Amino acid sequence: MSGYFRPLVQQGDIRVPGALPLAGGALWFTHAERLDRDGTSEILPVRDLPTGVAERLAAPRDAIAGLDMSRPHLMGILNVTPDSFSDGGRHFDVADAVETALAMVAQDVSILDVGGESTRPGAAEVPVEEEIRRIEPVIEAIRAETGTAISIDTRKAAVAEVALASGASLVNDVSGFTFDAALAPLCADTGTPVCIMHAQGDPATMQQDPRYDNVLLDVYDFLAAQVDRLAAAGLPRGQIVIDPGIGFGKTQAHNLTLLRNLSLFHGIGCPILLGVSRKRFIGTIGKEPLTEARAPGSIAVGLAGIAQGAQILRVHDVVETAQALRLWGAVR
């Protein structure tokens, strides 16, 4: 049976007989929607899913950077740039960046995502030397203060190599490992976990009329193919995180389609990272032009993703999101 399979996610301590856990976590499913590129779909009970599909949807995910993927985690955004769309310049000073990082750790952030190159729409590429100059002292200083996992948000092998030597433990590539051919071998050789994100185009051009045949299935196919490619290059599948890349070469309609059907991506068999924090569509739908005032909308969309089994939520508004996640967990 061909097609794509989206588990219909449920929650609660009382499970229907025959229900399977979603990715080894607390959520579960009894049925899945089979989707095809011809536009047809049907709902199937788990017993009727093809061999291997149910197992991949249900199997526990391996720990990533020491983090248990059976529960959701917060990734705190730390942009050490002068021009990021939401917080550019705020953490450009090393001392300010470290202070912010430690405040995030105090809110139970599991991963600190340090980036030295803005990937906002229209952003220009930053030279390697400048990107290293921005991130190296920050990662070294954070690592000296805390054992919390650190992610390096970069597309470039030379930057990642310095970051890993300075104390980073995960590489988060917004290009999905398409920008620098040397980055995947570096991660494989060092045994470094990675996050593959989907983006159509580069930051300078990605919002110039993005188009897809089927955004949901096109993004799925890209991520599945890249996971296979990195696995063939020597990276264990269990150490790969996937990110559908909300807002990266996508219209509002594209973003909403991906978010409504996020559970489909569990079929790849990797943990899912979701980054929606303060994105433009949240401001448009939520009628909030100021990026720094979009915490309520960001939290609403983020929790909707967690309810579909996303394991990592990448956020700016750590205090507010951490509080919301604690309450979501308490009443789930």
Protein backbone atom coordinates (compact mmCIF):
# COMPACT_ATOMS: atom_id res chain seq x y z
CA MET A 1 0.00 0.00 0.00
CA SER A 2 1.56 3.30 -1.08
CA GLY A 3 0.98 6.73 0.37
CA TYR A 4 1.80 8.87 3.38
CA PHE A 5 0.41 8.13 6.84
CA ARG A 6 -0.62 10.79 9.36
CA PRO A 7 -1.43 9.46 12.85
CA LEU A 8 -4.60 10.93 14.34
CA VAL A 9 -3.18 11.90 17.71
CA GLN A 10 -5.07 11.51 20.97
CA GLN A 11 -4.19 12.08 24.62
CA GLY A 12 -5.28 10.98 28.07
CA ASP A 13 -4.46 8.23 30.55
CA ILE A 14 -7.37 6.02 29.47
CA ARG A 15 -6.46 4.51 26.10
CA VAL A 16 -8.61 2.66 23.62
CA PRO A 17 -7.61 -1.02 23.40
CA GLY A 18 -5.11 -1.50 20.61
CA ALA A 19 -3.88 2.11 20.74
CA LEU A 20 -0.20 2.69 19.97
CA PRO A 21 2.03 5.27 21.67
CA LEU A 22 3.14 8.10 19.42
CA ALA A 23 6.95 8.06 19.13
CA GLY A 24 7.18 6.29 22.49
CA GLY A 25 5.65 9.24 24.36
CA ALA A 26 2.49 9.98 26.31
CA LEU A 27 0.32 10.68 23.26
CA TRP A 28 -1.26 7.83 21.29
CA PHE A 29 -3.23 6.92 18.19
CA THR A 30 -5.65 4.24 17.02
CA HIS A 31 -6.05 5.39 13.40
CA ALA A 32 -4.07 7.15 10.71
CA GLU A 33 -4.98 9.06 7.58
CA ARG A 34 -3.44 7.71 4.38
CA LEU A 35 -2.67 10.54 1.95
CA ASP A 36 -1.75 10.33 -1.73
CA ARG A 37 -0.46 12.91 -4.18
CA ASP A 38 -3.60 12.49 -6.28
CA GLY A 39 -5.53 14.14 -3.44
CA THR A 40 -7.26 11.03 -2.15
CA SER A 41 -7.20 10.01 1.50
CA GLU A 42 -8.74 7.42 3.80
CA ILE A 43 -8.77 6.69 7.52
CA LEU A 44 -7.27 3.35 8.54
CA PRO A 45 -7.11 1.60 11.92
CA VAL A 46 -3.57 0.84 13.07
CA ARG A 47 -4.05 -2.88 12.39
CA ASP A 48 -4.47 -2.09 8.67
CA LEU A 49 -1.34 0.03 8.29
CA PRO A 50 1.42 -1.39 6.05
CA THR A 51 4.19 -3.42 7.63
CA GLY A 52 6.67 -1.12 9.29
CA VAL A 53 4.55 2.04 9.22
CA ALA A 54 2.89 1.57 12.61
CA GLU A 55 6.20 0.48 14.13
CA ARG A 56 7.98 3.61 12.91
CA LEU A 57 5.19 5.89 14.14
CA ALA A 58 5.13 4.23 17.56
CA ALA A 59 8.81 3.50 18.23
CA PRO A 60 10.54 5.49 21.00
CA ARG A 61 13.04 8.03 19.69
CA ASP A 62 16.65 7.90 20.84
CA ALA A 63 17.94 10.50 23.26
CA ILE A 64 19.35 13.59 21.52
CA ALA A 65 22.24 15.43 23.16
CA GLY A 66 21.35 13.57 26.37
CA LEU A 67 17.68 14.62 26.25
CA ASP A 68 14.82 12.15 26.67
CA MET A 69 12.64 12.47 23.56
CA SER A 70 9.60 10.88 25.22
CA ARG A 71 8.66 14.31 26.58
CA PRO A 72 8.66 17.82 25.06
CA HIS A 73 11.61 20.19 25.43
CA LEU A 74 12.16 23.92 25.01
CA MET A 75 14.98 25.25 22.86
CA GLY A 76 15.81 28.83 23.80
CA ILE A 77 16.82 31.14 20.93
CA LEU A 78 20.03 33.12 21.47
CA ASN A 79 20.84 35.18 18.40
CA VAL A 80 24.24 36.88 18.73
CA THR A 81 23.56 39.01 15.68
CA PRO A 82 22.84 42.70 15.07
CA ASP A 83 19.98 42.06 12.63
CA SER A 84 17.79 39.04 13.51
CA PHE A 85 14.12 39.75 12.81
CA SER A 86 12.97 39.72 16.44
CA ASP A 87 15.89 40.12 18.82
CA GLY A 88 18.75 41.41 16.69
CA GLY A 89 21.39 43.23 18.74
CA ARG A 90 19.98 42.32 22.14
CA HIS A 91 22.52 39.57 22.85
CA PHE A 92 25.40 40.84 20.70
CA ASP A 93 27.53 41.48 23.78
CA VAL A 94 29.01 38.30 25.31
CA ALA A 95 28.05 39.21 28.87
CA ASP A 96 24.46 39.98 27.84
CA ALA A 97 24.25 36.72 25.90
CA VAL A 98 25.49 34.66 28.86
CA GLU A 99 23.10 36.42 31.26
CA THR A 100 20.19 35.66 28.94
CA ALA A 101 21.30 32.04 28.52
CA LEU A 102 21.47 31.45 32.27
CA ALA A 103 18.03 33.01 32.71
CA MET A 104 16.71 30.54 30.12
CA VAL A 105 18.35 27.63 31.93
CA ALA A 106 16.60 28.74 35.13
CA GLN A 107 13.29 28.26 33.27
CA ASP A 108 14.14 24.62 32.45
CA VAL A 109 15.19 25.24 28.85
CA SER A 110 16.74 21.99 27.60
CA ILE A 111 18.77 23.41 24.70
CA LEU A 112 20.30 26.82 24.03
CA ASP A 113 20.35 27.56 20.28
CA VAL A 114 23.18 29.99 19.50
CA GLY A 115 23.27 31.63 16.08
CA GLY A 116 25.65 34.15 14.56
CA GLU A 117 23.93 34.66 11.19
CA SER A 118 20.45 36.08 10.78
CA THR A 119 18.12 33.92 8.69
CA ARG A 120 15.24 36.40 8.59
CA PRO A 121 13.64 36.95 5.18
CA GLY A 122 15.95 39.10 3.05
CA ALA A 123 19.03 38.58 5.24
CA ALA A 124 22.43 38.55 3.54
CA GLU A 125 25.05 35.85 4.13
CA VAL A 126 27.56 36.54 6.92
CA PRO A 127 31.24 35.77 6.23
CA VAL A 128 32.55 32.68 8.04
CA GLU A 129 35.15 34.63 10.01
CA GLU A 130 32.56 37.07 11.31
CA GLU A 131 30.11 34.32 12.23
CA ILE A 132 32.86 32.54 14.20
CA ARG A 133 33.84 35.78 15.91
CA ARG A 134 30.27 36.18 17.12
CA ILE A 135 29.54 32.67 18.36
CA GLU A 136 32.83 31.32 19.71
CA PRO A 137 33.20 33.44 22.89
CA VAL A 138 29.49 33.12 23.67
CA ILE A 139 29.48 29.32 23.49
CA GLU A 140 32.70 29.09 25.49
CA ALA A 141 31.30 31.38 28.19
CA ILE A 142 27.97 29.55 28.39
CA ARG A 143 29.68 26.16 28.57
CA ALA A 144 31.81 27.43 31.46
CA GLU A 145 28.64 28.31 33.38
CA THR A 146 26.21 25.47 32.65
CA GLY A 147 26.01 21.89 31.45
CA THR A 148 22.81 22.56 29.46
CA ALA A 149 22.96 21.33 25.87
CA ILE A 150 24.03 23.94 23.32
CA SER A 151 23.00 23.93 19.68
CA ILE A 152 24.87 25.85 16.98
CA ASP A 153 22.53 27.38 14.44
CA THR A 154 24.68 27.47 11.30
CA ARG A 155 24.88 26.33 7.68
CA LYS A 156 28.66 26.23 7.58
CA ALA A 157 31.10 23.45 8.48
CA ALA A 158 33.88 25.82 9.55
CA VAL A 159 31.55 27.57 12.01
CA ALA A 160 30.17 24.27 13.32
CA GLU A 161 33.68 22.91 13.87
CA VAL A 162 34.63 25.88 16.07
CA ALA A 163 31.29 25.71 17.89
CA LEU A 164 31.70 22.01 18.67
CA ALA A 165 35.23 22.60 19.96
CA SER A 166 33.85 25.41 22.14
CA GLY A 167 31.17 23.23 23.75
CA ALA A 168 28.19 22.91 21.40
CA SER A 169 26.56 19.47 21.22
CA LEU A 170 24.10 19.72 18.29
CA VAL A 171 24.19 21.30 14.81
CA ASN A 172 20.98 23.00 13.65
CA ASP A 173 21.16 23.72 9.90
CA VAL A 174 18.35 25.83 8.42
CA SER A 175 19.42 24.80 4.92
CA GLY A 176 18.79 21.14 5.70
CA PHE A 177 22.44 20.30 4.94
CA THR A 178 22.25 21.62 1.38
CA PHE A 179 24.44 24.74 1.80
CA ASP A 180 27.86 23.30 2.73
CA ALA A 181 28.81 19.81 1.56
CA ALA A 182 31.43 19.56 4.32
CA LEU A 183 28.94 19.90 7.17
CA ALA A 184 27.38 16.41 7.08
CA PRO A 185 30.78 14.60 7.05
CA LEU A 186 31.93 16.77 9.98
CA CYS A 187 28.88 15.80 12.03
CA ALA A 188 29.24 12.13 11.08
CA ASP A 189 32.94 12.08 11.96
CA THR A 190 32.35 13.75 15.34
CA GLY A 191 29.17 11.82 16.16
CA THR A 192 27.25 15.07 16.55
CA PRO A 193 23.42 15.06 16.57
CA VAL A 194 21.86 17.30 13.93
CA CYS A 195 18.63 19.05 13.04
CA ILE A 196 17.61 19.11 9.37
CA MET A 197 15.27 21.98 8.50
CA HIS A 198 13.37 22.46 5.27
CA ALA A 199 13.68 25.81 3.50
CA GLN A 200 12.78 26.74 -0.05
CA GLY A 201 15.53 29.08 -1.27
CA ASP A 202 17.97 30.96 0.95
CA PRO A 203 17.10 33.71 3.46
CA ALA A 204 17.73 36.45 0.90
CA THR A 205 15.10 35.12 -1.53
CA MET A 206 12.94 32.55 0.25
CA GLN A 207 9.81 34.69 0.62
CA GLN A 208 9.72 35.79 -3.01
CA ASP A 209 6.62 33.90 -4.17
CA PRO A 210 7.29 30.39 -2.76
CA ARG A 211 5.41 27.62 -4.62
CA TYR A 212 4.89 23.87 -4.11
CA ASP A 213 3.08 21.05 -5.86
CA ASN A 214 1.88 19.89 -2.43
CA VAL A 215 3.59 21.70 0.44
CA LEU A 216 2.93 18.99 3.02
CA LEU A 217 4.19 16.09 0.93
CA ASP A 218 6.99 18.08 -0.73
CA VAL A 219 8.43 19.04 2.66
CA TYR A 220 8.01 15.47 3.91
CA ASP A 221 9.83 14.05 0.89
CA PHE A 222 12.72 16.51 1.28
CA LEU A 223 13.19 15.73 4.97
CA ALA A 224 12.89 11.96 4.44
CA ALA A 225 15.45 12.08 1.61
CA GLN A 226 17.88 14.18 3.64
CA VAL A 227 17.60 11.82 6.61
CA ASP A 228 18.42 8.94 4.28
CA ARG A 229 21.36 10.87 2.81
CA LEU A 230 22.85 11.74 6.19
CA ALA A 231 22.34 8.20 7.43
CA ALA A 232 24.21 6.93 4.37
CA ALA A 233 27.00 9.40 5.20
CA GLY A 234 27.40 7.83 8.63
CA LEU A 235 25.04 9.76 10.89
CA PRO A 236 22.78 7.40 12.90
CA ARG A 237 19.11 8.01 12.08
CA GLY A 238 18.44 8.12 15.80
CA GLN A 239 20.59 11.24 16.12
CA ILE A 240 18.72 13.26 13.49
CA VAL A 241 15.98 15.79 14.32
CA ILE A 242 13.67 17.15 11.59
CA ASP A 243 12.07 20.59 11.28
CA PRO A 244 9.44 21.48 8.62
CA GLY A 245 10.77 25.05 8.53
CA ILE A 246 7.70 27.15 9.25
CA GLY A 247 8.12 30.53 7.57
CA PHE A 248 11.16 29.55 5.50
CA GLY A 249 10.04 29.85 1.90
CA LYS A 250 6.37 29.44 2.76
CA THR A 251 3.22 31.52 2.62
CA GLN A 252 0.71 31.75 5.45
CA ALA A 253 -1.37 29.06 3.77
CA HIS A 254 1.68 26.79 3.49
CA ASN A 255 2.49 27.30 7.17
CA LEU A 256 -1.04 26.48 8.29
CA THR A 257 -1.17 23.33 6.15
CA LEU A 258 2.06 22.07 7.71
CA LEU A 259 0.89 22.89 11.24
CA ARG A 260 -2.51 21.22 10.81
CA ASN A 261 -0.83 18.05 9.58
CA LEU A 262 2.35 18.11 11.66
CA SER A 263 1.92 14.56 12.96
CA LEU A 264 2.58 13.25 9.42
CA PHE A 265 6.31 13.87 9.98
CA HIS A 266 6.49 11.20 12.69
CA GLY A 267 6.48 8.76 9.78
CA ILE A 268 10.13 9.67 9.10
CA GLY A 269 11.02 8.17 12.47
CA CYS A 270 12.91 11.15 13.93
CA PRO A 271 12.13 13.70 16.66
CA ILE A 272 10.36 16.82 15.40
CA LEU A 273 11.51 20.36 16.14
CA LEU A 274 8.97 23.13 15.64
CA GLY A 275 9.99 26.77 15.30
CA VAL A 276 7.03 29.15 15.10
CA SER A 277 8.07 31.77 17.63
CA ARG A 278 7.02 35.31 16.66
CA LYS A 279 6.69 34.43 12.96
CA ARG A 280 4.98 36.83 10.57
CA PHE A 281 1.84 34.72 10.12
CA ILE A 282 1.27 34.84 13.89
CA GLY A 283 1.33 38.61 13.71
CA THR A 284 -1.00 38.63 10.70
CA ILE A 285 -3.61 36.24 12.10
CA GLY A 286 -3.23 37.52 15.65
CA LYS A 287 -3.34 41.17 14.56
CA GLU A 288 -0.07 42.03 16.29
CA PRO A 289 2.45 43.99 14.20
CA LEU A 290 5.14 44.06 16.92
CA THR A 291 7.25 40.90 16.87
CA GLU A 292 8.10 41.12 20.57
CA ALA A 293 4.37 41.18 21.46
CA ARG A 294 3.54 37.87 19.76
CA ALA A 295 4.11 35.56 22.74
CA PRO A 296 0.41 34.61 23.14
CA GLY A 297 0.07 33.58 19.50
CA SER A 298 3.44 31.83 19.51
CA ILE A 299 2.46 29.82 22.58
CA ALA A 300 -0.93 28.87 21.11
CA VAL A 301 0.66 27.51 17.94
CA GLY A 302 3.53 25.90 19.84
CA LEU A 303 1.20 23.98 22.16
CA ALA A 304 -0.83 22.86 19.16
CA GLY A 305 2.40 21.39 17.81
CA ILE A 306 3.24 19.73 21.12
CA ALA A 307 -0.26 18.20 21.07
CA GLN A 308 0.69 16.55 17.77
CA GLY A 309 3.81 15.09 19.32
CA ALA A 310 6.52 17.64 18.48
CA GLN A 311 9.41 16.94 20.83
CA ILE A 312 11.28 20.27 20.69
CA LEU A 313 9.80 23.78 20.62
CA ARG A 314 12.19 26.58 19.57
CA VAL A 315 11.16 29.83 21.29
CA HIS A 316 12.07 33.43 22.06
CA ASP A 317 9.62 33.95 24.94
CA VAL A 318 11.05 31.37 27.31
CA VAL A 319 9.43 32.41 30.59
CA GLU A 320 5.94 32.56 29.13
CA THR A 321 6.28 29.38 27.07
CA ALA A 322 7.79 27.42 29.96
CA GLN A 323 4.83 28.40 32.15
CA ALA A 324 2.36 27.41 29.44
CA LEU A 325 4.08 24.07 28.86
CA ARG A 326 4.04 23.24 32.58
CA LEU A 327 0.31 23.91 32.72
CA TRP A 328 -0.33 21.99 29.51
CA GLY A 329 1.46 19.01 31.00
CA ALA A 330 -0.46 19.29 34.27
CA VAL A 331 -3.92 19.24 32.69
CA ARG A 332 -3.20 17.01 29.66
